[in-house]
Amino acid sequence: MSGQVVDINLLERSYRVMCPDGQESALREAAQKLDTRLNETRSATKLTNVEQIAVMTALNLCHEWMQEKAEQNEKMMALEDKVALLQATIKKAIGEPKHD
């Protein structure tokens, strides 16, 4: 894998991270968003241990991701139901027999 080292800052600490070529700005943006979330967790919980802040932030992000995934699945199922209804309506309108 080719790439380059990118310096990022999280909770006032510097880290050097290998990054694939062309993905540097995406990495920096992700690091900035993560740093924001880490600082929000630190402020909200009054935790001072970096490891605890990281774990709490990771748990919160995973929980949010799981909720968003469940919402997307619900939306997809609703769309699939609408498509099936439209297909049935079209078949009925053009006189095709149902195949269940």
N, C-alpha and C. Protein backbone atom coordinates (compact mmCIF):
# COMPACT_ATOMS: atom_id res chain seq x y z
N MET A 1 0.84 -1.17 0.00
CA MET A 1 0.00 0.00 0.00
C MET A 1 0.89 1.24 0.00
N SER A 2 0.68 2.10 -0.96
CA SER A 2 1.43 3.34 -0.96
C SER A 2 0.64 4.38 -0.19
N GLY A 3 1.33 5.36 0.29
CA GLY A 3 0.67 6.40 1.06
C GLY A 3 1.69 7.31 1.67
N GLN A 4 1.18 8.14 2.55
CA GLN A 4 2.08 9.06 3.23
C GLN A 4 1.64 9.24 4.66
N VAL A 5 2.54 9.73 5.46
CA VAL A 5 2.25 9.98 6.87
C VAL A 5 1.57 11.34 6.99
N VAL A 6 0.46 11.37 7.74
CA VAL A 6 -0.28 12.60 7.97
C VAL A 6 -0.31 12.85 9.48
N ASP A 7 -0.04 14.07 9.87
CA ASP A 7 -0.11 14.45 11.28
C ASP A 7 -1.53 14.91 11.60
N ILE A 8 -2.10 14.33 12.66
CA ILE A 8 -3.42 14.75 13.13
C ILE A 8 -3.33 15.05 14.62
N ASN A 9 -4.30 15.78 15.12
CA ASN A 9 -4.37 16.10 16.55
C ASN A 9 -5.70 15.66 17.11
N LEU A 10 -5.63 14.94 18.21
CA LEU A 10 -6.83 14.50 18.93
C LEU A 10 -6.61 14.79 20.40
N LEU A 11 -7.52 15.52 21.01
CA LEU A 11 -7.42 15.90 22.42
C LEU A 11 -6.05 16.49 22.75
N GLU A 12 -5.65 17.43 21.94
CA GLU A 12 -4.38 18.14 22.10
C GLU A 12 -3.16 17.23 22.03
N ARG A 13 -3.29 16.07 21.46
CA ARG A 13 -2.17 15.16 21.27
C ARG A 13 -1.95 14.96 19.78
N SER A 14 -0.70 14.89 19.38
CA SER A 14 -0.37 14.69 17.97
C SER A 14 -0.18 13.22 17.67
N TYR A 15 -0.64 12.82 16.52
CA TYR A 15 -0.49 11.44 16.05
C TYR A 15 -0.04 11.48 14.60
N ARG A 16 0.82 10.54 14.24
CA ARG A 16 1.26 10.37 12.85
C ARG A 16 0.57 9.12 12.33
N VAL A 17 -0.17 9.29 11.23
CA VAL A 17 -1.00 8.21 10.70
C VAL A 17 -0.67 7.99 9.23
N MET A 18 -0.50 6.73 8.84
CA MET A 18 -0.33 6.42 7.42
C MET A 18 -1.68 6.61 6.72
N CYS A 19 -1.61 7.19 5.55
CA CYS A 19 -2.82 7.49 4.81
C CYS A 19 -2.62 7.16 3.34
N PRO A 20 -3.61 6.50 2.70
CA PRO A 20 -3.48 6.22 1.26
C PRO A 20 -3.38 7.52 0.47
N ASP A 21 -2.64 7.48 -0.61
CA ASP A 21 -2.52 8.66 -1.47
C ASP A 21 -3.89 9.17 -1.89
N GLY A 22 -4.05 10.47 -1.84
CA GLY A 22 -5.29 11.09 -2.26
C GLY A 22 -6.36 11.17 -1.18
N GLN A 23 -6.12 10.58 -0.02
CA GLN A 23 -7.12 10.56 1.04
C GLN A 23 -6.76 11.47 2.21
N GLU A 24 -5.76 12.30 2.03
CA GLU A 24 -5.26 13.12 3.14
C GLU A 24 -6.33 14.08 3.67
N SER A 25 -7.04 14.75 2.77
CA SER A 25 -8.04 15.71 3.25
C SER A 25 -9.19 15.00 3.95
N ALA A 26 -9.57 13.83 3.46
CA ALA A 26 -10.64 13.06 4.12
C ALA A 26 -10.20 12.62 5.51
N LEU A 27 -8.94 12.21 5.64
CA LEU A 27 -8.41 11.82 6.95
C LEU A 27 -8.41 13.01 7.90
N ARG A 28 -7.93 14.15 7.41
CA ARG A 28 -7.90 15.34 8.27
C ARG A 28 -9.30 15.75 8.71
N GLU A 29 -10.27 15.67 7.79
CA GLU A 29 -11.65 16.01 8.14
C GLU A 29 -12.21 15.03 9.17
N ALA A 30 -11.94 13.76 8.98
CA ALA A 30 -12.40 12.75 9.94
C ALA A 30 -11.76 12.98 11.30
N ALA A 31 -10.47 13.29 11.31
CA ALA A 31 -9.77 13.55 12.57
C ALA A 31 -10.35 14.78 13.27
N GLN A 32 -10.68 15.80 12.50
CA GLN A 32 -11.27 17.01 13.09
C GLN A 32 -12.63 16.70 13.72
N LYS A 33 -13.44 15.93 13.00
CA LYS A 33 -14.76 15.55 13.55
C LYS A 33 -14.60 14.69 14.80
N LEU A 34 -13.66 13.75 14.76
CA LEU A 34 -13.41 12.91 15.92
C LEU A 34 -12.92 13.74 17.10
N ASP A 35 -12.03 14.67 16.85
CA ASP A 35 -11.53 15.54 17.91
C ASP A 35 -12.68 16.33 18.54
N THR A 36 -13.58 16.83 17.71
CA THR A 36 -14.75 17.54 18.23
C THR A 36 -15.57 16.63 19.14
N ARG A 37 -15.83 15.41 18.68
CA ARG A 37 -16.62 14.47 19.48
C ARG A 37 -15.90 14.09 20.77
N LEU A 38 -14.59 13.89 20.70
CA LEU A 38 -13.83 13.56 21.91
C LEU A 38 -13.92 14.70 22.92
N ASN A 39 -13.79 15.93 22.45
CA ASN A 39 -13.89 17.08 23.35
C ASN A 39 -15.30 17.23 23.92
N GLU A 40 -16.33 16.93 23.11
CA GLU A 40 -17.71 16.97 23.61
C GLU A 40 -17.90 15.94 24.72
N THR A 41 -17.36 14.74 24.51
CA THR A 41 -17.46 13.70 25.53
C THR A 41 -16.73 14.11 26.80
N ARG A 42 -15.55 14.66 26.64
CA ARG A 42 -14.78 15.10 27.81
C ARG A 42 -15.56 16.16 28.60
N SER A 43 -16.15 17.11 27.90
CA SER A 43 -16.91 18.18 28.57
C SER A 43 -18.18 17.65 29.24
N ALA A 44 -18.87 16.77 28.53
CA ALA A 44 -20.15 16.28 29.04
C ALA A 44 -19.99 15.33 30.22
N THR A 45 -18.89 14.57 30.25
CA THR A 45 -18.72 13.55 31.27
C THR A 45 -17.75 13.95 32.37
N LYS A 46 -16.97 14.95 32.11
CA LYS A 46 -15.91 15.39 33.05
C LYS A 46 -14.83 14.33 33.23
N LEU A 47 -14.75 13.39 32.28
CA LEU A 47 -13.67 12.41 32.32
C LEU A 47 -12.36 13.09 31.98
N THR A 48 -11.27 12.59 32.55
CA THR A 48 -9.96 13.15 32.25
C THR A 48 -9.02 12.12 31.64
N ASN A 49 -9.29 10.84 31.84
CA ASN A 49 -8.47 9.78 31.28
C ASN A 49 -8.76 9.65 29.78
N VAL A 50 -7.73 9.81 28.96
CA VAL A 50 -7.89 9.80 27.51
C VAL A 50 -8.50 8.49 27.02
N GLU A 51 -8.08 7.39 27.60
CA GLU A 51 -8.62 6.08 27.19
C GLU A 51 -10.12 6.01 27.48
N GLN A 52 -10.56 6.47 28.63
CA GLN A 52 -11.98 6.45 28.97
C GLN A 52 -12.77 7.36 28.03
N ILE A 53 -12.21 8.52 27.72
CA ILE A 53 -12.88 9.44 26.79
C ILE A 53 -13.02 8.78 25.43
N ALA A 54 -11.96 8.13 24.98
CA ALA A 54 -11.99 7.45 23.68
C ALA A 54 -13.02 6.33 23.66
N VAL A 55 -13.08 5.54 24.73
CA VAL A 55 -14.04 4.43 24.79
C VAL A 55 -15.47 4.96 24.81
N MET A 56 -15.74 5.97 25.62
CA MET A 56 -17.09 6.53 25.68
C MET A 56 -17.50 7.13 24.34
N THR A 57 -16.57 7.81 23.69
CA THR A 57 -16.86 8.40 22.38
C THR A 57 -17.12 7.30 21.36
N ALA A 58 -16.31 6.26 21.37
CA ALA A 58 -16.51 5.14 20.45
C ALA A 58 -17.87 4.48 20.67
N LEU A 59 -18.25 4.28 21.92
CA LEU A 59 -19.56 3.69 22.21
C LEU A 59 -20.69 4.58 21.71
N ASN A 60 -20.57 5.88 21.94
CA ASN A 60 -21.59 6.80 21.46
C ASN A 60 -21.69 6.79 19.93
N LEU A 61 -20.54 6.81 19.26
CA LEU A 61 -20.55 6.79 17.79
C LEU A 61 -21.15 5.49 17.26
N CYS A 62 -20.81 4.36 17.88
CA CYS A 62 -21.38 3.07 17.45
C CYS A 62 -22.88 3.04 17.67
N HIS A 63 -23.33 3.56 18.79
CA HIS A 63 -24.76 3.60 19.07
C HIS A 63 -25.48 4.45 18.03
N GLU A 64 -24.94 5.61 17.71
CA GLU A 64 -25.54 6.48 16.69
C GLU A 64 -25.55 5.78 15.33
N TRP A 65 -24.46 5.11 14.99
CA TRP A 65 -24.38 4.40 13.73
C TRP A 65 -25.45 3.30 13.66
N MET A 66 -25.62 2.56 14.75
CA MET A 66 -26.61 1.49 14.78
C MET A 66 -28.02 2.05 14.63
N GLN A 67 -28.30 3.19 15.27
CA GLN A 67 -29.61 3.81 15.13
C GLN A 67 -29.85 4.26 13.69
N GLU A 68 -28.86 4.89 13.08
CA GLU A 68 -29.00 5.34 11.70
C GLU A 68 -29.18 4.16 10.76
N LYS A 69 -28.46 3.07 11.01
CA LYS A 69 -28.59 1.88 10.18
C LYS A 69 -30.00 1.31 10.30
N ALA A 70 -30.54 1.26 11.51
CA ALA A 70 -31.90 0.75 11.71
C ALA A 70 -32.92 1.64 10.99
N GLU A 71 -32.73 2.96 11.08
CA GLU A 71 -33.63 3.88 10.39
C GLU A 71 -33.55 3.69 8.88
N GLN A 72 -32.35 3.51 8.35
CA GLN A 72 -32.19 3.28 6.91
C GLN A 72 -32.85 1.97 6.49
N ASN A 73 -32.72 0.94 7.32
CA ASN A 73 -33.37 -0.34 7.02
C ASN A 73 -34.88 -0.20 6.99
N GLU A 74 -35.44 0.56 7.93
CA GLU A 74 -36.89 0.81 7.95
C GLU A 74 -37.32 1.54 6.69
N LYS A 75 -36.55 2.55 6.30
CA LYS A 75 -36.87 3.30 5.08
C LYS A 75 -36.79 2.40 3.86
N MET A 76 -35.78 1.54 3.81
CA MET A 76 -35.63 0.64 2.67
C MET A 76 -36.80 -0.33 2.59
N MET A 77 -37.22 -0.86 3.72
CA MET A 77 -38.35 -1.79 3.73
C MET A 77 -39.62 -1.08 3.27
N ALA A 78 -39.82 0.16 3.71
CA ALA A 78 -40.99 0.92 3.29
C ALA A 78 -40.95 1.17 1.78
N LEU A 79 -39.78 1.49 1.25
CA LEU A 79 -39.65 1.70 -0.20
C LEU A 79 -39.91 0.41 -0.97
N GLU A 80 -39.39 -0.70 -0.46
CA GLU A 80 -39.62 -1.99 -1.12
C GLU A 80 -41.10 -2.33 -1.13
N ASP A 81 -41.81 -2.03 -0.04
CA ASP A 81 -43.26 -2.26 0.00
C ASP A 81 -43.98 -1.40 -1.03
N LYS A 82 -43.57 -0.15 -1.16
CA LYS A 82 -44.19 0.75 -2.14
C LYS A 82 -43.92 0.27 -3.56
N VAL A 83 -42.70 -0.19 -3.82
CA VAL A 83 -42.37 -0.70 -5.15
C VAL A 83 -43.22 -1.93 -5.46
N ALA A 84 -43.35 -2.82 -4.51
CA ALA A 84 -44.16 -4.03 -4.72
C ALA A 84 -45.61 -3.66 -4.99
N LEU A 85 -46.13 -2.68 -4.27
CA LEU A 85 -47.51 -2.23 -4.50
C LEU A 85 -47.65 -1.61 -5.89
N LEU A 86 -46.68 -0.81 -6.28
CA LEU A 86 -46.71 -0.21 -7.62
C LEU A 86 -46.65 -1.28 -8.70
N GLN A 87 -45.79 -2.28 -8.49
CA GLN A 87 -45.68 -3.36 -9.48
C GLN A 87 -47.00 -4.12 -9.60
N ALA A 88 -47.62 -4.39 -8.47
CA ALA A 88 -48.91 -5.09 -8.48
C ALA A 88 -49.97 -4.26 -9.16
N THR A 89 -49.97 -2.96 -8.92
CA THR A 89 -50.95 -2.06 -9.53
C THR A 89 -50.74 -2.00 -11.04
N ILE A 90 -49.50 -1.94 -11.47
CA ILE A 90 -49.20 -1.90 -12.91
C ILE A 90 -49.62 -3.20 -13.58
N LYS A 91 -49.29 -4.34 -12.94
CA LYS A 91 -49.68 -5.63 -13.50
C LYS A 91 -51.19 -5.74 -13.61
N LYS A 92 -51.89 -5.28 -12.60
CA LYS A 92 -53.36 -5.32 -12.62
C LYS A 92 -53.89 -4.42 -13.73
N ALA A 93 -53.27 -3.25 -13.90
CA ALA A 93 -53.73 -2.31 -14.90
C ALA A 93 -53.52 -2.83 -16.32
N ILE A 94 -52.44 -3.57 -16.53
CA ILE A 94 -52.19 -4.09 -17.88
C ILE A 94 -52.72 -5.51 -18.06
N GLY A 95 -53.31 -6.04 -17.01
CA GLY A 95 -53.98 -7.33 -17.12
C GLY A 95 -53.10 -8.55 -16.99
N GLU A 96 -51.89 -8.41 -16.42
CA GLU A 96 -51.05 -9.59 -16.22
C GLU A 96 -51.54 -10.38 -15.01
N PRO A 97 -51.49 -11.69 -15.08
CA PRO A 97 -51.89 -12.50 -13.93
C PRO A 97 -50.88 -12.38 -12.78
N LYS A 98 -51.37 -12.51 -11.56
CA LYS A 98 -50.49 -12.48 -10.40
C LYS A 98 -49.68 -13.77 -10.32
N HIS A 99 -48.43 -13.65 -9.92
CA HIS A 99 -47.58 -14.82 -9.68
C HIS A 99 -47.08 -14.73 -8.25
N ASP A 100 -47.69 -15.44 -7.33
CA ASP A 100 -47.29 -15.41 -5.91
C ASP A 100 -46.52 -16.61 -5.53
